Structures are given as structure tokens and as C-alpha cells.
Amino acid sequence: PRTFVDPLPDIVHPGGVVLFVSPFSWLAEYTPDLNNWYTPAQLKDHMNANNFDLIDDSDMPLLIRDHARKYQLIFSNALAFKKKKF
């Protein structure tokens, strides 16, 4: 959520890397306030506006085992940002 992302410009040193891995599948029944969560485009814009360059945007597979005979294969969005050096 925004409470984690917003202070990153003050925490990460120049040249530091931040990695987000998320399926960005916020369901209203589990996420009470969707306004506090970023979409991938919003996250990219926010990080860019705070002196971070996008260095990787890729899909990362994730296998969830529901039980012995049922699995879910999903692909999370992996976004890597590097803080600009001044």
C-alpha cells in the first residue's frame, strides 16, 4: 500500500534498487480500500516522479498449491526500480 511506497525516496540510497512482485489482483472482498493500492501504471508513475528509473518489468510465475491435486498457476508482475544518483 501507499504507506509502504511513499517513504521509499527517503529510505533508499542513490543507486539502491527496489523490487515489487505482485499479481496486482486486489479483490474488493479482501481489500477494504482500493484507493490505498497502486496499479502497475500508477506505481511506475509514482516511482518515476520520485527519482527512480524502471530497470525491469517482467512476469514472474507463481504456483499456489490449494491441496494435493489442485494447483493455481499465476503470473505476478515484477517491477524493479533503481534510485537515480544525483
Protein backbone atom coordinates (compact mmCIF):
# COMPACT_ATOMS: atom_id res chain seq x y z
CA PRO A 1 0.00 0.00 0.00
CA ARG A 2 0.87 3.64 -0.23
CA THR A 3 2.04 3.71 3.40
CA PHE A 4 4.95 1.46 2.38
CA VAL A 5 5.75 3.02 -1.00
CA ASP A 6 5.52 6.73 -0.15
CA PRO A 7 8.55 6.89 2.22
CA LEU A 8 10.88 4.96 -0.14
CA PRO A 9 12.53 8.10 -1.61
CA ASP A 10 13.78 8.99 1.89
CA ILE A 11 14.88 5.44 2.76
CA VAL A 12 16.61 4.16 -0.39
CA HIS A 13 20.13 5.44 -1.07
CA PRO A 14 21.07 6.73 -4.56
CA GLY A 15 21.84 3.69 -6.72
CA GLY A 16 19.68 1.46 -4.48
CA VAL A 17 17.22 -0.98 -6.01
CA VAL A 18 13.59 -1.62 -5.03
CA LEU A 19 11.76 -4.73 -6.27
CA PHE A 20 7.98 -5.15 -6.25
CA VAL A 21 6.43 -8.52 -7.11
CA SER A 22 2.65 -8.61 -7.14
CA PRO A 23 -0.19 -10.04 -9.22
CA PHE A 24 -1.98 -6.68 -8.71
CA SER A 25 -5.25 -8.57 -8.25
CA TRP A 26 -6.88 -6.60 -5.49
CA LEU A 27 -10.32 -8.07 -4.88
CA ALA A 28 -12.80 -5.75 -3.18
CA GLU A 29 -13.89 -8.52 -0.81
CA TYR A 30 -10.33 -8.77 0.61
CA THR A 31 -9.11 -5.21 0.11
CA PRO A 32 -11.23 -2.75 2.06
CA ASP A 33 -9.95 0.48 0.50
CA LEU A 34 -8.72 0.13 -3.08
CA ASN A 35 -7.68 3.81 -3.12
CA ASN A 36 -4.65 2.93 -0.98
CA TRP A 37 -3.26 0.47 -3.53
CA TYR A 38 -1.35 1.18 -6.74
CA THR A 39 -1.99 -0.22 -10.19
CA PRO A 40 1.22 -1.08 -12.10
CA ALA A 41 0.94 2.15 -14.14
CA GLN A 42 0.37 4.26 -11.02
CA LEU A 43 3.35 2.63 -9.28
CA LYS A 44 5.60 3.29 -12.29
CA ASP A 45 4.48 6.94 -12.43
CA HIS A 46 4.93 7.41 -8.68
CA MET A 47 8.41 5.88 -8.63
CA ASN A 48 9.48 7.87 -11.71
CA ALA A 49 8.25 11.10 -10.10
CA ASN A 50 10.38 10.26 -7.04
CA ASN A 51 13.70 9.83 -8.88
CA PHE A 52 13.55 6.10 -9.59
CA ASP A 53 14.21 4.58 -13.02
CA LEU A 54 12.38 1.43 -14.07
CA ILE A 55 15.11 -1.15 -14.76
CA ASP A 56 12.96 -4.26 -15.26
CA ASP A 57 9.31 -5.08 -15.91
CA SER A 58 8.65 -8.78 -16.31
CA ASP A 59 6.28 -11.59 -15.42
CA MET A 60 7.20 -13.97 -12.63
CA PRO A 61 5.41 -17.33 -12.34
CA LEU A 62 3.92 -18.33 -9.01
CA LEU A 63 2.48 -21.74 -8.24
CA ILE A 64 -0.09 -21.95 -5.43
CA ARG A 65 -0.94 -25.37 -4.03
CA ASP A 66 -4.57 -25.49 -2.91
CA HIS A 67 -4.34 -29.18 -1.96
CA ALA A 68 -2.62 -32.36 -3.13
CA ARG A 69 -4.37 -32.42 -6.52
CA LYS A 70 -5.13 -28.81 -7.24
CA TYR A 71 -2.73 -26.02 -8.08
CA GLN A 72 -3.09 -22.49 -9.39
CA LEU A 73 -0.51 -21.03 -11.75
CA ILE A 74 -0.48 -17.25 -11.79
CA PHE A 75 1.97 -14.69 -13.09
CA SER A 76 2.95 -11.80 -10.88
CA ASN A 77 4.25 -8.53 -12.25
CA ALA A 78 7.86 -7.96 -11.18
CA LEU A 79 8.92 -4.30 -11.28
CA ALA A 80 12.48 -3.28 -10.40
CA PHE A 81 13.44 0.36 -9.87
CA LYS A 82 16.82 1.97 -9.28
CA LYS A 83 17.12 5.29 -7.46
CA LYS A 84 18.84 7.93 -9.58
CA LYS A 85 22.22 9.21 -8.43
CA PHE A 86 22.45 12.94 -8.02
